[in-house]
């Protein structure tokens, strides 16, 4: 995916366009719509998978997607809109569609647009079949699900996108003290950070460079490193073994500590670092998109800077990785500005948006930076000045007390 556009989705009554570059960042106050924008990406990815065949009521969006947290069409439809509109672009190719659903009826597409090599054709549903779409002078398109769309060019793009997105939510499960490996055990980190132990074990055995990169971040942040080897396993008779998820001091390599006891912030950031490392070494496919809510969760400001620098270094030499981040962190912003000044990331590789809500309507503003990292565009003057205001209030209170 290169760009996505939405309209009529949650708080966004008007169309908003998101340019997905190497690094895309959403800033904004709470309840402004940042998470809605970010979660639209895993929602689309899940909806592009083959999910339609086992649904009680037909829908084009995947309402079992974890990104919706149990919401259905009426929950995500903007209160002032009749349709939910999406548009996804891959270079000169694009699909756009408007979704509608009434009462207990199935969800249907009432407008479909297909762009190939820059030429757009608009389709309407057939009167005989809701999954057939017609355009004057063109062959009809069959679209019972996005995964099975009859247009081969768009189908290929959709299927690649369905497998390219990883998502880490802002509510993450603490890593386990131990985990099983062996027969029937899946690898992969899900949106809650679950599966981190099994995935680290797999990476250690199959991609040592990625494992070493994770340890590089851990060493810089804590002075400790992961230690997973046969000495921490207990063989059992079921074809599986139990492994402890621990760290050791880099200098002494003794007195192992469970990762969950190494600091809440480190435990919460580990899935983020793991996915980024996997992406760098091709373990997430050819063109991965990693969407992350609050990567800075529970981290000290200096550790946030280290994490931001780690992400920038991942992106620096890679052309096919995209990170999409929602954050409240001033430290993260300052790390990005510093990277621009140091020419570690180009403005051409960066999209930044301020998301705000007024009168229950969400909107976005594009934020840019000059060559020395100064913010340009519609960045509110009051943002990240709360500490200054608090300091002034404290000083005034002291003076009044005297």
Protein backbone atom coordinates (compact mmCIF):
# COMPACT_ATOMS: atom_id res chain seq x y z
CA UNK A 1 0.00 0.00 0.00
CA UNK A 2 1.27 3.46 -0.93
CA UNK A 3 -1.71 5.57 0.11
CA UNK A 4 -5.02 4.97 1.84
CA UNK A 5 -8.02 7.27 1.93
CA UNK A 6 -11.07 7.04 4.16
CA UNK A 7 -14.38 8.85 4.48
CA UNK A 8 -17.41 8.19 6.66
CA UNK A 9 -15.27 6.04 8.97
CA UNK A 10 -15.67 6.67 12.70
CA UNK A 11 -15.00 10.38 13.38
CA UNK A 12 -13.93 11.18 9.82
CA UNK A 13 -16.96 12.51 7.95
CA UNK A 14 -14.81 14.08 5.23
CA UNK A 15 -12.18 12.35 3.14
CA UNK A 16 -8.67 12.10 4.53
CA UNK A 17 -5.64 10.89 2.56
CA UNK A 18 -2.70 9.15 4.21
CA UNK A 19 0.57 8.88 2.32
CA UNK A 20 2.35 5.78 3.59
CA UNK A 21 6.06 6.43 3.38
CA UNK A 22 8.99 4.72 5.05
CA UNK A 23 7.95 6.36 8.31
CA UNK A 24 4.41 7.62 8.86
CA UNK A 25 3.57 9.21 12.22
CA UNK A 26 0.26 10.28 13.77
CA UNK A 27 0.30 12.83 16.59
CA UNK A 28 -2.74 14.20 18.38
CA UNK A 29 -4.60 14.48 21.65
CA UNK A 30 -6.55 11.58 23.17
CA UNK A 31 -9.79 10.64 21.40
CA UNK A 32 -8.84 12.59 18.29
CA UNK A 33 -8.90 9.66 15.83
CA UNK A 34 -5.22 8.67 15.65
CA UNK A 35 -5.85 5.03 16.51
CA UNK A 36 -8.78 4.85 14.10
CA UNK A 37 -6.52 5.91 11.24
CA UNK A 38 -3.76 3.50 12.17
CA UNK A 39 -6.15 0.57 12.73
CA UNK A 40 -7.73 1.13 9.33
CA UNK A 41 -4.57 -0.43 7.90
CA UNK A 42 -4.81 -3.82 9.69
CA UNK A 43 -8.58 -3.70 9.11
CA UNK A 44 -8.05 -3.43 5.36
CA UNK A 45 -5.35 -6.10 5.46
CA UNK A 46 -7.67 -8.50 7.31
CA UNK A 47 -10.54 -7.65 4.95
CA UNK A 48 -8.32 -8.45 1.97
CA UNK A 49 -7.79 -11.98 3.30
CA UNK A 50 -10.05 -14.91 2.37
CA UNK A 51 -12.65 -14.45 5.12
CA UNK A 52 -16.00 -14.16 3.33
CA UNK A 53 -16.84 -17.83 2.75
CA UNK A 54 -17.69 -18.65 6.39
CA UNK A 55 -19.69 -15.58 7.39
CA UNK A 56 -23.29 -15.82 8.62
CA UNK A 57 -24.11 -12.49 6.95
CA UNK A 58 -21.98 -11.46 3.98
CA UNK A 59 -19.67 -8.50 4.48
CA UNK A 60 -16.70 -7.05 2.65
CA UNK A 61 -14.99 -5.76 5.76
CA UNK A 62 -13.76 -8.40 8.19
CA UNK A 63 -15.77 -7.71 11.33
CA UNK A 64 -13.83 -10.44 13.14
CA UNK A 65 -10.67 -8.33 12.78
CA UNK A 66 -9.07 -7.59 16.14
CA UNK A 67 -8.58 -4.01 14.96
CA UNK A 68 -12.35 -3.42 15.32
CA UNK A 69 -12.59 -4.81 18.86
CA UNK A 70 -16.04 -6.28 18.21
CA UNK A 71 -17.47 -3.31 16.30
CA UNK A 72 -19.86 -3.82 13.39
CA UNK A 73 -20.79 -1.61 10.43
CA UNK A 74 -23.10 0.70 12.38
CA UNK A 75 -20.42 1.22 15.04
CA UNK A 76 -17.78 2.43 12.60
CA UNK A 77 -20.08 4.39 10.27
CA UNK A 78 -19.76 8.13 10.84
CA UNK A 79 -22.98 9.54 12.29
CA UNK A 80 -23.30 12.04 9.42
CA UNK A 81 -22.54 9.56 6.61
CA UNK A 82 -24.48 6.95 4.68
CA UNK A 83 -21.45 5.07 3.36
CA UNK A 84 -17.98 4.09 4.49
CA UNK A 85 -15.49 4.89 1.72
CA UNK A 86 -12.03 3.42 1.32
CA UNK A 87 -9.38 3.87 -1.33
CA UNK A 88 -6.10 1.98 -1.51
CA UNK A 89 -3.36 2.87 -3.98
CA UNK A 90 -0.35 0.88 -5.13
CA UNK A 91 1.71 3.22 -7.35
CA UNK A 92 -0.42 3.62 -10.51
CA UNK A 93 -3.02 1.03 -9.47
CA UNK A 94 -5.93 1.63 -7.13
CA UNK A 95 -9.20 0.26 -5.79
CA UNK A 96 -11.89 2.47 -4.25
CA UNK A 97 -15.22 1.35 -2.85
CA UNK A 98 -18.22 2.63 -0.90
CA UNK A 99 -19.80 0.29 1.65
CA UNK A 100 -23.37 0.35 2.91
CA UNK A 101 -25.34 -1.91 5.23
CA UNK A 102 -28.94 -1.63 6.37
CA UNK A 103 -30.48 -3.34 9.40
CA UNK A 104 -29.92 -7.11 9.10
CA UNK A 105 -29.06 -7.06 5.40
CA UNK A 106 -25.67 -8.02 4.04
CA UNK A 107 -23.01 -5.37 3.53
CA UNK A 108 -22.77 -4.28 -0.10
CA UNK A 109 -20.64 -2.09 -2.34
CA UNK A 110 -22.65 0.60 -4.12
CA UNK A 111 -19.71 2.21 -5.94
CA UNK A 112 -16.49 0.62 -7.16
CA UNK A 113 -13.52 2.27 -8.84
CA UNK A 114 -10.59 0.47 -10.43
CA UNK A 115 -7.46 2.30 -11.56
CA UNK A 116 -4.77 0.57 -13.60
CA UNK A 117 -1.74 2.34 -15.03
CA UNK A 118 -3.33 5.66 -14.09
CA UNK A 119 -6.63 5.04 -15.93
CA UNK A 120 -9.73 4.93 -13.69
CA UNK A 121 -12.96 3.11 -14.50
CA UNK A 122 -16.06 3.38 -12.32
CA UNK A 123 -18.43 0.46 -11.80
CA UNK A 124 -21.92 0.07 -10.36
CA UNK A 125 -23.48 -3.10 -8.93
CA UNK A 126 -25.53 -5.25 -11.27
CA UNK A 127 -29.27 -5.30 -10.61
CA UNK A 128 -29.24 -9.10 -10.83
CA UNK A 129 -26.23 -9.87 -8.60
CA UNK A 130 -24.80 -7.74 -5.79
CA UNK A 131 -21.30 -9.17 -6.36
CA UNK A 132 -21.17 -8.31 -10.08
CA UNK A 133 -20.13 -4.80 -11.12
CA UNK A 134 -20.68 -3.21 -14.50
CA UNK A 135 -19.10 -0.37 -16.45
CA UNK A 136 -20.25 0.82 -19.88
CA UNK A 137 -18.11 -0.72 -22.60
CA UNK A 138 -16.10 -2.86 -20.18
CA UNK A 139 -16.17 -6.43 -18.98
CA UNK A 140 -17.97 -6.83 -15.69
CA UNK A 141 -16.01 -7.45 -12.49
CA UNK A 142 -16.90 -10.18 -10.03
CA UNK A 143 -16.31 -9.15 -6.42
CA UNK A 144 -17.81 -11.49 -3.85
CA UNK A 145 -14.79 -10.75 -1.67
CA UNK A 146 -11.70 -8.61 -2.17
CA UNK A 147 -9.54 -11.75 -2.04
CA UNK A 148 -11.41 -13.24 -5.02
CA UNK A 149 -11.90 -10.14 -7.20
CA UNK A 150 -11.83 -11.18 -10.85
CA UNK A 151 -9.44 -8.43 -11.96
CA UNK A 152 -6.08 -10.23 -11.84
CA UNK A 153 -3.91 -7.12 -11.46
CA UNK A 154 -5.85 -5.73 -8.49
CA UNK A 155 -6.26 -9.22 -7.01
CA UNK A 156 -2.49 -9.66 -6.89
CA UNK A 157 -2.08 -6.30 -5.13
CA UNK A 158 -4.83 -7.13 -2.65
CA UNK A 159 -3.43 -10.54 -1.78
CA UNK A 160 0.05 -9.16 -1.23
CA UNK A 161 -1.36 -6.45 1.02
CA UNK A 162 -3.33 -9.03 2.99
CA UNK A 163 -0.07 -10.70 4.01
CA UNK A 164 2.14 -7.63 4.46
CA UNK A 165 0.69 -5.88 7.52
CA UNK A 166 1.72 -6.44 11.14
CA UNK A 167 0.04 -4.56 13.98
CA UNK A 168 1.03 -3.92 17.59
CA UNK A 169 -1.72 -2.36 19.71
CA UNK A 170 -1.35 -0.05 22.68
CA UNK A 171 -2.61 -2.75 25.05
CA UNK A 172 0.08 -5.42 25.09
CA UNK A 173 0.32 -8.66 27.04
CA UNK A 174 3.29 -9.07 29.35
CA UNK A 175 5.80 -11.60 27.98
CA UNK A 176 5.74 -15.05 29.60
CA UNK A 177 8.35 -16.31 32.02
CA UNK A 178 8.57 -19.48 29.95
CA UNK A 179 7.14 -20.92 26.76
CA UNK A 180 6.98 -24.21 24.88
CA UNK A 181 8.75 -25.06 21.64
CA UNK A 182 8.34 -28.09 19.42
CA UNK A 183 5.52 -29.87 17.61
CA UNK A 184 2.37 -27.85 16.96
CA UNK A 185 3.77 -24.56 18.29
CA UNK A 186 3.19 -21.53 16.07
CA UNK A 187 5.59 -18.63 15.71
CA UNK A 188 4.72 -15.00 15.08
CA UNK A 189 3.97 -11.95 17.21
CA UNK A 190 0.31 -10.95 17.32
CA UNK A 191 -1.22 -7.54 17.96
CA UNK A 192 -1.03 -7.98 21.73
CA UNK A 193 2.63 -9.02 21.63
CA UNK A 194 1.76 -12.64 22.28
CA UNK A 195 4.05 -15.24 20.75
CA UNK A 196 7.17 -13.21 21.49
CA UNK A 197 9.03 -16.08 23.20
CA UNK A 198 8.37 -18.65 20.51
CA UNK A 199 9.26 -16.13 17.82
CA UNK A 200 12.55 -15.15 19.48
CA UNK A 201 13.51 -18.82 19.72
CA UNK A 202 12.72 -19.28 16.02
CA UNK A 203 14.74 -16.18 15.06
CA UNK A 204 17.72 -17.30 17.12
CA UNK A 205 17.87 -20.60 15.26
CA UNK A 206 16.95 -19.41 11.77
CA UNK A 207 18.17 -15.81 11.49
CA UNK A 208 20.99 -15.13 13.98
CA UNK A 209 21.61 -11.65 12.52
CA UNK A 210 18.09 -10.57 13.46
CA UNK A 211 18.51 -12.03 16.95
CA UNK A 212 21.79 -10.17 17.33
CA UNK A 213 20.12 -6.92 16.26
CA UNK A 214 17.47 -7.35 18.96
CA UNK A 215 20.23 -7.91 21.50
CA UNK A 216 22.04 -4.80 20.28
CA UNK A 217 19.00 -2.70 21.19
CA UNK A 218 18.59 -4.49 24.52
CA UNK A 219 22.26 -3.99 25.42
CA UNK A 220 22.14 -0.30 24.59
CA UNK A 221 18.96 0.17 26.61
CA UNK A 222 19.64 -2.01 29.66
CA UNK A 223 23.17 -3.42 29.51
CA UNK A 224 21.63 -6.89 29.36
CA UNK A 225 20.99 -9.38 26.56
CA UNK A 226 18.69 -12.28 25.79
CA UNK A 227 20.02 -15.71 26.58
CA UNK A 228 18.10 -18.61 25.08
CA UNK A 229 19.92 -21.91 24.86
CA UNK A 230 19.63 -25.56 25.77
CA UNK A 231 20.58 -24.87 29.36
CA UNK A 232 17.26 -23.10 29.87
CA UNK A 233 15.11 -25.91 28.47
CA UNK A 234 13.51 -28.92 30.07
CA UNK A 235 12.79 -31.79 27.72
CA UNK A 236 9.46 -33.52 28.19
CA UNK A 237 7.95 -36.61 26.63
CA UNK A 238 5.47 -34.78 24.41
CA UNK A 239 7.87 -33.74 21.66
CA UNK A 240 8.13 -30.28 23.20
CA UNK A 241 10.45 -28.42 25.50
CA UNK A 242 9.99 -25.50 27.87
CA UNK A 243 12.23 -22.47 27.52
CA UNK A 244 12.66 -19.61 29.97
CA UNK A 245 12.56 -16.11 28.48
CA UNK A 246 15.42 -14.43 30.32
CA UNK A 247 18.18 -11.85 30.10
CA UNK A 248 21.70 -11.85 31.53
CA UNK A 249 24.19 -9.11 32.31
CA UNK A 250 26.45 -8.63 29.29
CA UNK A 251 29.66 -8.59 31.34
CA UNK A 252 28.96 -11.36 33.84
CA UNK A 253 26.46 -13.59 32.01
CA UNK A 254 25.19 -14.97 35.29
CA UNK A 255 22.13 -14.49 37.48
CA UNK A 256 19.54 -14.65 34.67
CA UNK A 257 16.44 -12.50 35.11
CA UNK A 258 13.08 -13.16 33.49
CA UNK A 259 12.43 -10.54 30.80
CA UNK A 260 9.16 -9.62 32.50
CA UNK A 261 11.21 -8.57 35.55
CA UNK A 262 13.64 -6.48 33.48
CA UNK A 263 11.35 -3.46 33.43
CA UNK A 264 7.81 -3.00 32.16
CA UNK A 265 8.91 -0.68 29.35
CA UNK A 266 11.50 -3.14 28.04
CA UNK A 267 8.98 -5.97 28.09
CA UNK A 268 6.43 -3.81 26.22
CA UNK A 269 8.95 -2.62 23.61
CA UNK A 270 10.36 -6.09 22.89
CA UNK A 271 7.57 -7.06 20.40
CA UNK A 272 8.14 -3.76 18.56
CA UNK A 273 11.89 -4.32 18.27
CA UNK A 274 11.38 -7.95 17.29
CA UNK A 275 9.02 -7.12 14.41
CA UNK A 276 11.33 -4.37 13.15
CA UNK A 277 14.31 -6.74 13.20
CA UNK A 278 12.32 -9.44 11.42
CA UNK A 279 11.34 -6.93 8.73
CA UNK A 280 14.95 -5.88 8.17
CA UNK A 281 16.02 -9.46 7.50
CA UNK A 282 13.08 -10.44 5.30
CA UNK A 283 11.17 -12.53 7.83
CA UNK A 284 7.95 -10.52 7.29
CA UNK A 285 7.91 -10.73 3.49
CA UNK A 286 9.08 -8.54 0.64
CA UNK A 287 7.33 -5.28 1.56
CA UNK A 288 6.19 -5.33 5.20
CA UNK A 289 4.08 -2.61 6.79
CA UNK A 290 4.36 -2.50 10.58
CA UNK A 291 1.72 -0.45 12.39
CA UNK A 292 2.50 0.38 16.02
CA UNK A 293 0.44 2.16 18.65
CA UNK A 294 2.50 3.97 21.28
CA UNK A 295 5.86 2.26 20.79
CA UNK A 296 7.07 4.33 23.75
CA UNK A 297 4.73 2.57 26.19
CA UNK A 298 6.19 2.60 29.76
CA UNK A 299 9.65 3.69 28.54
CA UNK A 300 11.85 6.36 30.12
CA UNK A 301 12.48 9.34 27.76
CA UNK A 302 16.07 8.25 27.09
CA UNK A 303 14.91 4.72 26.25
CA UNK A 304 12.31 6.25 23.90
CA UNK A 305 15.10 8.04 22.05
CA UNK A 306 17.07 4.79 21.81
CA UNK A 307 14.00 3.00 20.42
CA UNK A 308 13.33 5.77 17.89
CA UNK A 309 16.96 5.69 16.74
CA UNK A 310 16.72 1.91 16.41
CA UNK A 311 13.67 2.26 14.15
CA UNK A 312 15.35 4.92 12.02
CA UNK A 313 18.41 2.72 11.58
CA UNK A 314 16.14 -0.11 10.45
CA UNK A 315 14.63 2.15 7.78
CA UNK A 316 17.82 3.89 6.74
CA UNK A 317 19.14 1.33 4.29
CA UNK A 318 15.89 -0.48 3.45
CA UNK A 319 13.66 0.53 0.55
CA UNK A 320 10.74 -1.83 1.14
CA UNK A 321 9.84 -1.43 4.84
CA UNK A 322 7.14 0.93 6.11
CA UNK A 323 6.54 1.85 9.74
CA UNK A 324 3.27 3.53 10.74
CA UNK A 325 3.32 4.90 14.27
CA UNK A 326 0.82 6.56 16.59
CA UNK A 327 2.52 8.33 19.47
CA UNK A 328 2.15 10.92 22.24
CA UNK A 329 5.88 11.19 22.82
CA UNK A 330 7.82 14.45 22.55
CA UNK A 331 11.04 12.42 22.89
CA UNK A 332 10.06 10.44 19.79
CA UNK A 333 9.41 13.67 17.88
CA UNK A 334 12.77 15.11 18.93
CA UNK A 335 14.53 11.92 17.82
CA UNK A 336 12.92 12.27 14.37
CA UNK A 337 13.96 15.92 14.14
CA UNK A 338 17.51 14.98 15.12
CA UNK A 339 17.57 12.26 12.45
CA UNK A 340 16.52 14.82 9.82
CA UNK A 341 19.34 17.16 10.84
CA UNK A 342 21.83 14.27 10.72
CA UNK A 343 20.43 13.23 7.31
CA UNK A 344 19.60 9.79 8.63
CA UNK A 345 16.09 10.14 7.25
CA UNK A 346 14.89 12.29 4.37
CA UNK A 347 11.73 14.36 4.28
CA UNK A 348 10.85 12.34 1.18
CA UNK A 349 10.68 9.23 3.39
CA UNK A 350 8.59 10.80 6.15
CA UNK A 351 4.87 11.52 6.53
CA UNK A 352 3.66 13.25 9.68
CA UNK A 353 0.07 14.13 10.56
CA UNK A 354 -1.59 16.04 13.36
CA UNK A 355 -5.00 14.52 14.13
CA UNK A 356 -7.63 16.58 15.93
CA UNK A 357 -11.32 16.46 16.74
CA UNK A 358 -13.68 19.43 16.95
CA UNK A 359 -17.46 19.22 17.42
CA UNK A 360 -17.14 15.42 17.23
CA UNK A 361 -15.55 15.60 13.76
CA UNK A 362 -12.01 14.32 13.24
CA UNK A 363 -9.60 15.81 10.71
CA UNK A 364 -5.91 15.71 9.90
CA UNK A 365 -3.25 18.25 9.01
CA UNK A 366 -0.05 17.44 7.18
CA UNK A 367 3.05 18.35 9.18
CA UNK A 368 6.40 18.84 7.45
CA UNK A 369 9.94 19.60 8.55
CA UNK A 370 12.63 21.76 6.99
CA UNK A 371 16.16 20.48 6.37
CA UNK A 372 17.26 21.29 9.92
CA UNK A 373 14.27 19.65 11.57
CA UNK A 374 12.07 22.65 12.33
CA UNK A 375 8.35 21.88 12.22
CA UNK A 376 6.30 23.45 9.44
CA UNK A 377 2.57 23.30 8.82
CA UNK A 378 -0.41 23.23 11.17
CA UNK A 379 1.32 22.12 14.36
CA UNK A 380 -0.58 23.56 17.37
CA UNK A 381 1.58 25.92 19.41
CA UNK A 382 0.40 24.46 22.72
CA UNK A 383 1.55 20.89 22.01
CA UNK A 384 4.28 19.58 24.33
CA UNK A 385 4.28 22.88 26.26
CA UNK A 386 2.38 21.43 29.21
CA UNK A 387 5.54 21.10 31.32
CA UNK A 388 6.40 24.77 30.73
CA UNK A 389 2.88 25.75 31.77
CA UNK A 390 3.07 23.54 34.87
CA UNK A 391 6.45 25.03 35.81
CA UNK A 392 5.04 28.54 35.54
CA UNK A 393 2.07 27.57 37.71
CA UNK A 394 4.42 26.04 40.28
CA UNK A 395 6.58 29.18 40.33
CA UNK A 396 3.51 31.37 40.72
CA UNK A 397 2.20 29.18 43.56
CA UNK A 398 5.54 29.48 45.37
CA UNK A 399 5.55 33.26 44.98
CA UNK A 400 2.00 33.54 46.27
CA UNK A 401 2.83 31.37 49.28
CA UNK A 402 5.76 33.61 50.17
